[in-house]
C-alpha atoms as a PDB file:
ATOM      1  CA  MET A   1     -64.229   4.181   3.632  1.00  0.00           C
ATOM      2  CA  LYS A   2     -65.273   3.723   7.244  1.00  0.00           C
ATOM      3  CA  LEU A   3     -68.485   1.920   8.332  1.00  0.00           C
ATOM      4  CA  GLU A   4     -69.897   5.268   9.571  1.00  0.00           C
ATOM      5  CA  HIS A   5     -69.481   6.960   6.163  1.00  0.00           C
ATOM      6  CA  PHE A   6     -71.543   3.948   4.562  1.00  0.00           C
ATOM      7  CA  LYS A   7     -74.250   4.566   7.323  1.00  0.00           C
ATOM      8  CA  LYS A   8     -74.337   8.253   6.590  1.00  0.00           C
ATOM      9  CA  ILE A   9     -74.804   7.597   2.944  1.00  0.00           C
ATOM     10  CA  ALA A  10     -77.563   5.215   3.523  1.00  0.00           C
ATOM     11  CA  GLY A  11     -79.237   7.696   5.648  1.00  0.00           C
ATOM     12  CA  LEU A  12     -78.652  10.485   2.916  1.00  0.00           C
ATOM     13  CA  VAL A  13     -80.304   8.285   0.166  1.00  0.00           C
ATOM     14  CA  ALA A  14     -83.250   7.350   2.218  1.00  0.00           C
ATOM     15  CA  VAL A  15     -83.996  11.157   2.986  1.00  0.00           C
ATOM     16  CA  PHE A  16     -83.649  11.941  -0.628  1.00  0.00           C
ATOM     17  CA  ALA A  17     -85.834   9.073  -1.756  1.00  0.00           C
ATOM     18  CA  GLY A  18     -88.551  10.302   0.576  1.00  0.00           C
ATOM     19  CA  MET A  19     -88.556  13.871  -0.587  1.00  0.00           C
ATOM     20  CA  CYS A  20     -88.789  13.258  -4.283  1.00  0.00           C
ATOM     21  CA  SER A  21     -92.401  12.796  -4.578  1.00  0.00           C
ATOM     22  CA  GLY A  22     -93.087  15.960  -2.724  1.00  0.00           C
ATOM     23  CA  LEU A  23     -90.857  18.225  -4.674  1.00  0.00           C
ATOM     24  CA  LEU A  24     -92.443  20.769  -6.973  1.00  0.00           C
ATOM     25  CA  ALA A  25     -90.213  23.941  -7.119  1.00  0.00           C
ATOM     26  CA  GLN A  26     -87.587  23.677  -9.981  1.00  0.00           C
ATOM     27  CA  GLU A  27     -84.951  25.380  -7.664  1.00  0.00           C
ATOM     28  CA  LYS A  28     -85.456  22.893  -5.095  1.00  0.00           C
ATOM     29  CA  ILE A  29     -85.058  19.924  -7.600  1.00  0.00           C
ATOM     30  CA  ASP A  30     -81.824  21.668  -8.783  1.00  0.00           C
ATOM     31  CA  ALA A  31     -80.588  21.510  -5.084  1.00  0.00           C
ATOM     32  CA  ILE A  32     -81.705  17.741  -4.831  1.00  0.00           C
ATOM     33  CA  LYS A  33     -79.649  16.977  -7.867  1.00  0.00           C
ATOM     34  CA  VAL A  34     -76.518  18.459  -6.712  1.00  0.00           C
ATOM     35  CA  PHE A  35     -76.983  16.723  -3.388  1.00  0.00           C
ATOM     36  CA  ASN A  36     -77.576  13.418  -5.121  1.00  0.00           C
ATOM     37  CA  GLU A  37     -74.313  14.024  -7.085  1.00  0.00           C
ATOM     38  CA  GLY A  38     -72.419  14.400  -3.836  1.00  0.00           C
ATOM     39  CA  VAL A  39     -74.183  11.199  -2.512  1.00  0.00           C
ATOM     40  CA  GLU A  40     -72.923   9.204  -5.536  1.00  0.00           C
ATOM     41  CA  LEU A  41     -69.360  10.731  -5.294  1.00  0.00           C
ATOM     42  CA  MET A  42     -69.240   9.827  -1.731  1.00  0.00           C
ATOM     43  CA  LYS A  43     -70.282   6.241  -2.399  1.00  0.00           C
ATOM     44  CA  ALA A  44     -67.288   5.920  -4.626  1.00  0.00           C
ATOM     45  CA  SER A  45     -64.940   7.545  -2.061  1.00  0.00           C
ATOM     46  CA  ASP A  46     -64.300  10.449  -4.529  1.00  0.00           C
ATOM     47  CA  VAL A  47     -62.811  13.517  -2.613  1.00  0.00           C
ATOM     48  CA  ARG A  48     -65.043  15.494  -5.129  1.00  0.00           C
ATOM     49  CA  ALA A  49     -68.049  14.688  -3.017  1.00  0.00           C
ATOM     50  CA  ILE A  50     -66.829  17.575  -0.887  1.00  0.00           C
ATOM     51  CA  GLU A  51     -67.042  20.207  -3.527  1.00  0.00           C
ATOM     52  CA  SER A  52     -70.562  18.814  -4.689  1.00  0.00           C
ATOM     53  CA  PHE A  53     -71.912  19.213  -1.172  1.00  0.00           C
ATOM     54  CA  GLU A  54     -70.100  22.752  -0.533  1.00  0.00           C
ATOM     55  CA  ASN A  55     -72.295  23.646  -3.966  1.00  0.00           C
ATOM     56  CA  CYS A  56     -75.344  22.167  -2.683  1.00  0.00           C
ATOM     57  CA  ILE A  57     -75.145  24.261   0.518  1.00  0.00           C
ATOM     58  CA  LYS A  58     -74.540  27.403  -1.702  1.00  0.00           C
ATOM     59  CA  VAL A  59     -77.582  26.448  -4.074  1.00  0.00           C
ATOM     60  CA  CYS A  60     -79.706  25.997  -0.787  1.00  0.00           C
ATOM     61  CA  GLU A  61     -78.808  29.351   0.492  1.00  0.00           C
ATOM     62  CA  GLN A  62     -79.758  30.916  -2.459  1.00  0.00           C
ATOM     63  CA  ILE A  63     -83.198  29.295  -2.567  1.00  0.00           C
ATOM     64  CA  GLY A  64     -84.022  30.127   0.975  1.00  0.00           C
ATOM     65  CA  ASP A  65     -85.866  28.540   3.630  1.00  0.00           C
ATOM     66  CA  SER A  66     -87.571  25.914   1.638  1.00  0.00           C
ATOM     67  CA  ALA A  67     -84.347  24.291   0.935  1.00  0.00           C
ATOM     68  CA  ASN A  68     -83.176  24.196   4.527  1.00  0.00           C
ATOM     69  CA  ASP A  69     -83.889  20.523   4.935  1.00  0.00           C
ATOM     70  CA  ILE A  70     -81.368  19.606   2.078  1.00  0.00           C
ATOM     71  CA  LYS A  71     -78.860  22.072   3.414  1.00  0.00           C
ATOM     72  CA  ALA A  72     -78.934  20.433   6.756  1.00  0.00           C
ATOM     73  CA  LYS A  73     -78.262  17.047   5.448  1.00  0.00           C
ATOM     74  CA  ALA A  74     -75.360  18.453   3.458  1.00  0.00           C
ATOM     75  CA  ILE A  75     -73.841  20.150   6.596  1.00  0.00           C
ATOM     76  CA  LYS A  76     -74.320  16.993   8.431  1.00  0.00           C
ATOM     77  CA  VAL A  77     -71.956  15.060   6.301  1.00  0.00           C
ATOM     78  CA  LEU A  78     -69.577  17.641   5.065  1.00  0.00           C
ATOM     79  CA  PRO A  79     -67.178  17.968   8.022  1.00  0.00           C
ATOM     80  CA  ASP A  80     -66.856  14.284   8.134  1.00  0.00           C
ATOM     81  CA  LEU A  81     -65.714  14.346   4.448  1.00  0.00           C
ATOM     82  CA  TYR A  82     -63.100  16.754   5.159  1.00  0.00           C
ATOM     83  CA  PHE A  83     -61.890  14.579   8.112  1.00  0.00           C
ATOM     84  CA  GLN A  84     -61.907  11.475   5.714  1.00  0.00           C
ATOM     85  CA  LYS A  85     -59.695  13.412   3.350  1.00  0.00           C
ATOM     86  CA  ALA A  86     -57.271  14.230   6.029  1.00  0.00           C
ATOM     87  CA  PHE A  87     -57.319  10.600   7.461  1.00  0.00           C
ATOM     88  CA  ASP A  88     -56.550   9.090   4.084  1.00  0.00           C
ATOM     89  CA  LEU A  89     -53.876  11.599   3.125  1.00  0.00           C
ATOM     90  CA  LEU A  90     -52.092  10.640   6.501  1.00  0.00           C
ATOM     91  CA  THR A  91     -52.688   6.824   6.845  1.00  0.00           C
ATOM     92  CA  VAL A  92     -52.958   5.844   3.244  1.00  0.00           C
ATOM     93  CA  ASP A  93     -50.867   8.320   1.190  1.00  0.00           C
ATOM     94  CA  LYS A  94     -48.313   9.281   3.899  1.00  0.00           C
ATOM     95  CA  LYS A  95     -48.592  12.855   2.984  1.00  0.00           C
ATOM     96  CA  ILE A  96     -48.221  14.388   6.360  1.00  0.00           C
ATOM     97  CA  ASP A  97     -47.964  18.176   5.453  1.00  0.00           C
ATOM     98  CA  GLU A  98     -51.062  17.635   3.050  1.00  0.00           C
ATOM     99  CA  SER A  99     -52.910  15.800   5.813  1.00  0.00           C
ATOM    100  CA  LEU A 100     -52.306  18.598   8.024  1.00  0.00           C
ATOM    101  CA  LYS A 101     -53.458  21.210   5.599  1.00  0.00           C
ATOM    102  CA  ALA A 102     -56.823  19.020   5.062  1.00  0.00           C
ATOM    103  CA  SER A 103     -57.197  18.813   8.916  1.00  0.00           C
ATOM    104  CA  LYS A 104     -57.086  22.548   9.392  1.00  0.00           C
ATOM    105  CA  LYS A 105     -59.847  22.948   6.879  1.00  0.00           C
ATOM    106  CA  ALA A 106     -61.721  19.942   8.478  1.00  0.00           C
ATOM    107  CA  LEU A 107     -61.409  21.738  12.019  1.00  0.00           C
ATOM    108  CA  GLU A 108     -62.639  25.072  10.123  1.00  0.00           C
ATOM    109  CA  VAL A 109     -65.638  23.386   8.920  1.00  0.00           C
ATOM    110  CA  SER A 110     -66.277  21.495  12.058  1.00  0.00           C
ATOM    111  CA  ASN A 111     -66.347  24.510  14.096  1.00  0.00           C
ATOM    112  CA  LYS A 112     -68.544  26.315  11.516  1.00  0.00           C
ATOM    113  CA  TYR A 113     -71.227  23.627  11.659  1.00  0.00           C
ATOM    114  CA  GLY A 114     -70.709  22.706  15.439  1.00  0.00           C
ATOM    115  CA  ASP A 115     -69.800  19.179  14.605  1.00  0.00           C
ATOM    116  CA  THR A 116     -67.890  18.515  17.994  1.00  0.00           C
ATOM    117  CA  LYS A 117     -67.315  14.783  17.165  1.00  0.00           C
ATOM    118  CA  THR A 118     -65.585  15.306  13.959  1.00  0.00           C
ATOM    119  CA  LYS A 119     -63.635  18.135  15.435  1.00  0.00           C
ATOM    120  CA  GLU A 120     -62.158  15.738  18.199  1.00  0.00           C
ATOM    121  CA  SER A 121     -61.586  13.041  15.541  1.00  0.00           C
ATOM    122  CA  THR A 122     -59.684  15.575  13.438  1.00  0.00           C
ATOM    123  CA  GLN A 123     -57.602  16.759  16.423  1.00  0.00           C
ATOM    124  CA  LYS A 124     -56.425  13.191  16.934  1.00  0.00           C
ATOM    125  CA  ILE A 125     -55.418  12.922  13.519  1.00  0.00           C
ATOM    126  CA  MET A 126     -53.394  16.011  13.700  1.00  0.00           C
ATOM    127  CA  VAL A 127     -51.535  14.911  16.895  1.00  0.00           C
ATOM    128  CA  GLN A 128     -50.767  11.752  15.214  1.00  0.00           C
ATOM    129  CA  ALA A 129     -49.493  13.658  12.140  1.00  0.00           C
ATOM    130  CA  TYR A 130     -47.354  15.905  14.185  1.00  0.00           C
ATOM    131  CA  SER A 131     -46.015  12.877  16.125  1.00  0.00           C
ATOM    132  CA  THR A 132     -45.205  11.165  13.081  1.00  0.00           C
ATOM    133  CA  MET A 133     -43.476  14.259  11.724  1.00  0.00           C
ATOM    134  CA  ALA A 134     -41.522  14.590  15.016  1.00  0.00           C
ATOM    135  CA  SER A 135     -40.195  10.835  14.812  1.00  0.00           C
ATOM    136  CA  THR A 136     -38.794  11.633  11.247  1.00  0.00           C
ATOM    137  CA  PHE A 137     -36.921  14.641  12.432  1.00  0.00           C
ATOM    138  CA  VAL A 138     -35.497  12.720  15.419  1.00  0.00           C
ATOM    139  CA  THR A 139     -34.318   9.972  12.772  1.00  0.00           C
ATOM    140  CA  ASN A 140     -32.683  12.745  10.781  1.00  0.00           C
ATOM    141  CA  LYS A 141     -31.243  14.385  13.870  1.00  0.00           C
ATOM    142  CA  GLU A 142     -33.166  17.481  13.251  1.00  0.00           C
ATOM    143  CA  PHE A 143     -34.022  17.757  17.099  1.00  0.00           C
ATOM    144  CA  GLU A 144     -35.237  21.564  17.003  1.00  0.00           C
ATOM    145  CA  LYS A 145     -37.815  20.792  14.470  1.00  0.00           C
ATOM    146  CA  ALA A 146     -38.734  17.429  16.423  1.00  0.00           C
ATOM    147  CA  VAL A 147     -39.560  19.672  19.581  1.00  0.00           C
ATOM    148  CA  GLN A 148     -41.295  22.050  17.451  1.00  0.00           C
ATOM    149  CA  ALA A 149     -43.479  19.267  15.967  1.00  0.00           C
ATOM    150  CA  TYR A 150     -44.246  17.854  19.525  1.00  0.00           C
ATOM    151  CA  ASP A 151     -45.222  21.436  20.651  1.00  0.00           C
ATOM    152  CA  SER A 152     -47.657  21.745  17.858  1.00  0.00           C
ATOM    153  CA  ALA A 153     -49.191  18.193  19.044  1.00  0.00           C
ATOM    154  CA  LEU A 154     -49.312  19.621  22.409  1.00  0.00           C
ATOM    155  CA  MET A 155     -50.954  22.721  21.542  1.00  0.00           C
ATOM    156  CA  ILE A 156     -53.717  20.526  20.086  1.00  0.00           C
ATOM    157  CA  ASN A 157     -53.770  18.283  23.084  1.00  0.00           C
ATOM    158  CA  PRO A 158     -51.659  19.330  26.135  1.00  0.00           C
ATOM    159  CA  ASP A 159     -52.473  15.918  27.681  1.00  0.00           C
ATOM    160  CA  HIS A 160     -50.855  13.890  24.991  1.00  0.00           C
ATOM    161  CA  ILE A 161     -48.485  12.010  27.309  1.00  0.00           C
ATOM    162  CA  PRO A 162     -46.253  10.370  24.389  1.00  0.00           C
ATOM    163  CA  SER A 163     -45.299  13.894  22.997  1.00  0.00           C
ATOM    164  CA  ILE A 164     -44.197  15.022  26.361  1.00  0.00           C
ATOM    165  CA  TYR A 165     -42.148  11.937  27.054  1.00  0.00           C
ATOM    166  CA  ASN A 166     -40.573  12.035  23.791  1.00  0.00           C
ATOM    167  CA  LYS A 167     -39.845  15.537  24.081  1.00  0.00           C
ATOM    168  CA  ALA A 168     -37.958  14.918  27.319  1.00  0.00           C
ATOM    169  CA  LEU A 169     -36.016  12.190  25.762  1.00  0.00           C
ATOM    170  CA  ILE A 170     -34.784  14.698  23.211  1.00  0.00           C
ATOM    171  CA  TYR A 171     -33.623  17.355  25.741  1.00  0.00           C
ATOM    172  CA  LYS A 172     -31.959  14.222  27.666  1.00  0.00           C
ATOM    173  CA  GLY A 173     -30.002  13.619  24.589  1.00  0.00           C
ATOM    174  CA  LEU A 174     -29.125  16.889  23.962  1.00  0.00           C
ATOM    175  CA  ASP A 175     -27.960  17.008  27.438  1.00  0.00           C
ATOM    176  CA  ASN A 176     -30.137  20.153  28.131  1.00  0.00           C
ATOM    177  CA  ALA A 177     -30.524  19.577  31.971  1.00  0.00           C
ATOM    178  CA  SER A 178     -32.962  22.450  32.609  1.00  0.00           C
ATOM    179  CA  LYS A 179     -35.229  21.624  29.926  1.00  0.00           C
ATOM    180  CA  PHE A 180     -35.191  17.878  30.602  1.00  0.00           C
ATOM    181  CA  LYS A 181     -36.106  18.205  34.026  1.00  0.00           C
ATOM    182  CA  GLU A 182     -38.950  20.690  33.189  1.00  0.00           C
ATOM    183  CA  VAL A 183     -40.533  18.298  30.682  1.00  0.00           C
ATOM    184  CA  ILE A 184     -39.971  14.857  32.532  1.00  0.00           C
ATOM    185  CA  ASP A 185     -41.503  16.634  35.552  1.00  0.00           C
ATOM    186  CA  MET A 186     -44.500  17.576  33.412  1.00  0.00           C
ATOM    187  CA  TYR A 187     -44.661  13.916  32.253  1.00  0.00           C
ATOM    188  CA  ILE A 188     -44.695  12.733  35.698  1.00  0.00           C
ATOM    189  CA  GLU A 189     -47.321  14.929  36.888  1.00  0.00           C
ATOM    190  CA  LYS A 190     -49.406  14.068  33.990  1.00  0.00           C
ATOM    191  CA  LEU A 191     -49.045  10.212  34.692  1.00  0.00           C
ATOM    192  CA  LYS A 192     -50.080  10.701  38.247  1.00  0.00           C
ATOM    193  CA  PRO A 193     -53.978  10.941  38.117  1.00  0.00           C
ATOM    194  CA  ALA A 194     -54.128   7.821  36.185  1.00  0.00           C
ATOM    195  CA  GLY A 195     -51.992   6.136  38.921  1.00  0.00           C
ATOM    196  CA  ASP A 196     -49.553   4.706  36.234  1.00  0.00           C
ATOM    197  CA  THR A 197     -46.899   3.594  38.957  1.00  0.00           C
ATOM    198  CA  VAL A 198     -44.925   1.584  36.394  1.00  0.00           C
ATOM    199  CA  LYS A 199     -44.503   4.441  34.029  1.00  0.00           C
ATOM    200  CA  ILE A 200     -43.910   6.842  36.879  1.00  0.00           C
ATOM    201  CA  GLU A 201     -41.140   4.758  38.255  1.00  0.00           C
ATOM    202  CA  GLN A 202     -39.676   4.410  34.990  1.00  0.00           C
ATOM    203  CA  ALA A 203     -39.544   8.006  34.479  1.00  0.00           C
ATOM    204  CA  MET A 204     -38.169   8.629  37.886  1.00  0.00           C
ATOM    205  CA  LYS A 205     -35.479   6.133  37.227  1.00  0.00           C
ATOM    206  CA  ILE A 206     -34.554   7.932  33.811  1.00  0.00           C
ATOM    207  CA  ALA A 207     -34.326  11.417  35.531  1.00  0.00           C
ATOM    208  CA  ARG A 208     -32.511   9.920  38.546  1.00  0.00           C
ATOM    209  CA  ASP A 209     -29.853   8.205  36.413  1.00  0.00           C
ATOM    210  CA  TYR A 210     -29.433  11.265  34.224  1.00  0.00           C
ATOM    211  CA  PHE A 211     -28.768  13.631  37.005  1.00  0.00           C
ATOM    212  CA  ARG A 212     -26.553  11.118  39.002  1.00  0.00           C
ATOM    213  CA  ILE A 213     -24.355  10.527  36.068  1.00  0.00           C
ATOM    214  CA  ALA A 214     -24.127  14.278  35.491  1.00  0.00           C
ATOM    215  CA  GLY A 215     -23.311  14.671  39.181  1.00  0.00           C
ATOM    216  CA  GLY A 216     -20.350  11.968  38.679  1.00  0.00           C
ATOM    217  CA  LYS A 217     -19.128  13.631  35.799  1.00  0.00           C
ATOM    218  CA  ALA A 218     -18.872  17.100  37.754  1.00  0.00           C
ATOM    219  CA  ASN A 219     -17.401  15.152  40.743  1.00  0.00           C
ATOM    220  CA  GLN A 220     -14.615  13.813  38.368  1.00  0.00           C
ATOM    221  CA  ALA A 221     -14.009  17.273  37.064  1.00  0.00           C
ATOM    222  CA  ASN A 222     -13.667  18.513  40.723  1.00  0.00           C
ATOM    223  CA  LYS A 223     -16.625  20.825  40.340  1.00  0.00           C
ATOM    224  CA  ILE A 224     -17.888  19.944  43.802  1.00  0.00           C
ATOM    225  CA  ALA A 225     -20.818  22.392  44.046  1.00  0.00           C
ATOM    226  CA  ASP A 226     -22.080  21.415  40.747  1.00  0.00           C
ATOM    227  CA  ALA A 227     -21.827  17.955  41.731  1.00  0.00           C
ATOM    228  CA  VAL A 228     -23.746  18.193  44.927  1.00  0.00           C
ATOM    229  CA  ASN A 229     -26.340  20.299  43.149  1.00  0.00           C
ATOM    230  CA  LEU A 230     -26.855  17.571  40.419  1.00  0.00           C
ATOM    231  CA  LEU A 231     -26.924  14.784  43.061  1.00  0.00           C
ATOM    232  CA  ASN A 232     -29.575  16.587  45.144  1.00  0.00           C
ATOM    233  CA  THR A 233     -31.652  16.845  41.769  1.00  0.00           C
ATOM    234  CA  ALA A 234     -31.234  13.177  41.233  1.00  0.00           C
ATOM    235  CA  SER A 235     -32.278  12.571  44.946  1.00  0.00           C
ATOM    236  CA  LYS A 236     -35.727  14.220  44.272  1.00  0.00           C
ATOM    237  CA  TYR A 237     -36.433  11.247  41.881  1.00  0.00           C
ATOM    238  CA  GLY A 238     -35.610   8.751  44.763  1.00  0.00           C
ATOM    239  CA  THR A 239     -32.111   7.425  45.731  1.00  0.00           C
ATOM    240  CA  ASP A 240     -30.244   4.261  44.796  1.00  0.00           C
ATOM    241  CA  LYS A 241     -26.869   2.775  45.739  1.00  0.00           C
ATOM    242  CA  ASN A 242     -25.190   4.632  42.919  1.00  0.00           C
ATOM    243  CA  VAL A 243     -26.568   8.048  44.106  1.00  0.00           C
ATOM    244  CA  TYR A 244     -25.297   7.191  47.520  1.00  0.00           C
ATOM    245  CA  TYR A 245     -21.926   6.349  46.205  1.00  0.00           C
ATOM    246  CA  GLN A 246     -21.287   9.655  44.494  1.00  0.00           C
ATOM    247  CA  TYR A 247     -22.445  11.409  47.621  1.00  0.00           C
ATOM    248  CA  ALA A 248     -19.938   9.587  49.643  1.00  0.00           C
ATOM    249  CA  SER A 249     -17.294  10.445  46.938  1.00  0.00           C
ATOM    250  CA  VAL A 250     -18.084  14.130  46.912  1.00  0.00           C
ATOM    251  CA  TYR A 251     -18.478  14.525  50.688  1.00  0.00           C
ATOM    252  CA  ASN A 252     -15.254  12.769  51.343  1.00  0.00           C
ATOM    253  CA  LYS A 253     -13.560  15.393  48.960  1.00  0.00           C
ATOM    254  CA  GLN A 254     -15.440  17.853  51.067  1.00  0.00           C
ATOM    255  CA  LYS A 255     -13.963  16.441  54.154  1.00  0.00           C
ATOM    256  CA  LYS A 256     -17.481  15.935  55.572  1.00  0.00           C
ATOM    257  CA  PHE A 257     -16.509  12.578  56.845  1.00  0.00           C
ATOM    258  CA  ALA A 258     -19.475  11.655  58.791  1.00  0.00           C
ATOM    259  CA  ILE A 259     -21.957  12.349  56.089  1.00  0.00           C
ATOM    260  CA  ALA A 260     -19.480  10.674  53.511  1.00  0.00           C
ATOM    261  CA  ALA A 261     -19.531   7.368  55.552  1.00  0.00           C
ATOM    262  CA  GLU A 262     -23.193   7.319  56.027  1.00  0.00           C
ATOM    263  CA  ASN A 263     -23.884   7.445  52.338  1.00  0.00           C
ATOM    264  CA  ALA A 264     -21.226   4.694  51.889  1.00  0.00           C
ATOM    265  CA  GLN A 265     -22.904   2.374  54.201  1.00  0.00           C
ATOM    266  CA  LYS A 266     -26.308   3.202  52.647  1.00  0.00           C
ATOM    267  CA  GLY A 267     -24.990   2.411  49.381  1.00  0.00           C
ATOM    268  CA  LEU A 268     -23.467  -1.044  50.788  1.00  0.00           C
ATOM    269  CA  ALA A 269     -26.820  -1.877  52.352  1.00  0.00           C
ATOM    270  CA  LEU A 270     -28.343  -1.729  48.660  1.00  0.00           C
ATOM    271  CA  GLU A 271     -25.543  -3.334  47.041  1.00  0.00           C
ATOM    272  CA  THR A 272     -26.519  -7.180  46.473  1.00  0.00           C
ATOM    273  CA  GLY A 273     -23.677  -7.986  43.995  1.00  0.00           C
ATOM    274  CA  THR A 274     -20.386  -9.527  44.228  1.00  0.00           C
ATOM    275  CA  SER A 275     -17.630  -8.244  46.623  1.00  0.00           C
ATOM    276  CA  GLU A 276     -16.011  -6.622  43.763  1.00  0.00           C
ATOM    277  CA  ASP A 277     -19.266  -4.632  43.343  1.00  0.00           C
ATOM    278  CA  LYS A 278     -18.973  -3.805  46.729  1.00  0.00           C
ATOM    279  CA  ALA A 279     -15.513  -2.565  46.628  1.00  0.00           C
ATOM    280  CA  LYS A 280     -16.068   1.004  45.539  1.00  0.00           C
ATOM    281  CA  PHE A 281     -18.453   1.513  48.651  1.00  0.00           C
ATOM    282  CA  PHE A 282     -15.687   0.041  50.961  1.00  0.00           C
ATOM    283  CA  TYR A 283     -13.189   2.459  49.385  1.00  0.00           C
ATOM    284  CA  GLU A 284     -15.306   5.537  50.073  1.00  0.00           C
ATOM    285  CA  LEU A 285     -16.194   4.112  53.535  1.00  0.00           C
ATOM    286  CA  GLY A 286     -12.521   3.603  54.405  1.00  0.00           C
ATOM    287  CA  SER A 287     -11.608   7.247  53.166  1.00  0.00           C
ATOM    288  CA  ALA A 288     -14.353   8.664  55.591  1.00  0.00           C
ATOM    289  CA  GLN A 289     -13.438   6.488  58.328  1.00  0.00           C
ATOM    290  CA  ALA A 290      -9.725   7.506  57.893  1.00  0.00           C
ATOM    291  CA  GLY A 291     -10.799  11.085  57.811  1.00  0.00           C
ATOM    292  CA  LYS A 292     -12.467  10.618  61.133  1.00  0.00           C
ATOM    293  CA  GLY A 293      -9.391   9.055  62.659  1.00  0.00           C
ATOM    294  CA  GLU A 294     -11.045   5.582  62.861  1.00  0.00           C
ATOM    295  CA  THR A 295      -7.747   3.869  61.698  1.00  0.00           C
ATOM    296  CA  GLY A 296      -8.750   0.299  62.574  1.00  0.00           C
ATOM    297  CA  ASN A 297     -12.287   0.448  60.749  1.00  0.00           C
ATOM    298  CA  ALA A 298     -10.391   2.213  57.894  1.00  0.00           C
ATOM    299  CA  CYS A 299      -7.945  -0.575  57.547  1.00  0.00           C
ATOM    300  CA  GLU A 300     -10.726  -3.233  57.447  1.00  0.00           C
ATOM    301  CA  SER A 301     -12.764  -1.109  54.943  1.00  0.00           C
ATOM    302  CA  PHE A 302      -9.813  -0.823  52.601  1.00  0.00           C
ATOM    303  CA  LYS A 303      -9.083  -4.420  52.930  1.00  0.00           C
ATOM    304  CA  ASN A 304     -12.496  -5.146  51.439  1.00  0.00           C
ATOM    305  CA  SER A 305     -12.024  -2.697  48.664  1.00  0.00           C
ATOM    306  CA  MET A 306      -8.825  -4.499  47.528  1.00  0.00           C
ATOM    307  CA  LEU A 307     -10.608  -5.607  44.391  1.00  0.00           C
ATOM    308  CA  GLY A 308     -10.939  -4.657  40.729  1.00  0.00           C
ATOM    309  CA  PRO A 309      -9.906  -1.082  39.759  1.00  0.00           C
ATOM    310  CA  PHE A 310      -9.600  -0.286  43.532  1.00  0.00           C
ATOM    311  CA  LEU A 311      -7.009  -2.595  44.507  1.00  0.00           C
ATOM    312  CA  GLN A 312      -3.948  -0.620  44.068  1.00  0.00           C
ATOM    313  CA  ALA A 313      -5.375   2.375  45.642  1.00  0.00           C
ATOM    314  CA  SER A 314      -6.713   0.399  48.562  1.00  0.00           C
ATOM    315  CA  LYS A 315      -3.166  -1.198  48.754  1.00  0.00           C
ATOM    316  CA  ALA A 316      -1.692   2.431  48.874  1.00  0.00           C
ATOM    317  CA  GLN A 317      -4.091   3.470  51.650  1.00  0.00           C
ATOM    318  CA  ARG A 318      -3.307   0.539  53.794  1.00  0.00           C
ATOM    319  CA  ILE A 319       0.284   1.207  53.754  1.00  0.00           C
ATOM    320  CA  ASN A 320      -0.260   5.104  54.472  1.00  0.00           C
ATOM    321  CA  LEU A 321      -2.356   3.921  57.391  1.00  0.00           C
ATOM    322  CA  LYS A 322       0.182   1.289  58.496  1.00  0.00           C
ATOM    323  CA  CYS A 323      -2.393  -1.309  58.636  1.00  0.00           C
ATOM    324  CA  GLN A 324      -1.453  -4.821  59.792  1.00  0.00           C
END
């Protein structure tokens, strides 16, 4: 039992002790007896304390105004007892479904008695429960159920950033481009007010890489229009050398040689690796230069691309261009 619960017990006992000497009506004595039973059960962390305090409230309502002070004390502690039950079911017993059921009851009681603090605490427990549930579904590859669990968490707290992020990752894994974009954009927007540049850049890179890779696959399948659209989407999350490379390749296929050369050069400027790492950029640059009729420049570029997987293709290009 948490410290605040002990404090509440101490407060309840002190009030009860002060009331005893002034109580004459038998009905009110009965109400105090039920109340006191609840306090003792609460001390023992016995969930039956909930039932005792519920009964106490009913007895006080039957008595009328003279028992309002006792009723008020029972009402003060009851929502928190429901919360504690939900908390223990989740964190101690690991019973998520039962915890959620108890949490819903805690919310009902908190709303009924205007206990805002306990309501907020209960909502946090529910978000934690739904997040835990979603993680289990992901582990079991039950992705639709995982999304539903995250959506349940977000219905309680629309600003629960971890749920948004994990939901985006599910859509990424399912290769659902439109849903992934929708949710990762939401995640990025939620991060902006806090100015969390590290997480924002991380999310931007995840999105950029996803759409760049998808664009590359479309390019390989000669679905050029799709490739351009995907690369344009990738660029909305910032450009990098690999986006520039894919652009150069696609524009060469479209015979847009000037813009292909421009992108190849931008990619080269960002590539700080080995000569072999730069070969792919030189190959696309050479293809663009050849397309523009710049034979001398193309020969030089293909010479620089004669490494790794581009070796044979570069040799063939140089032979076709009759390079020296």
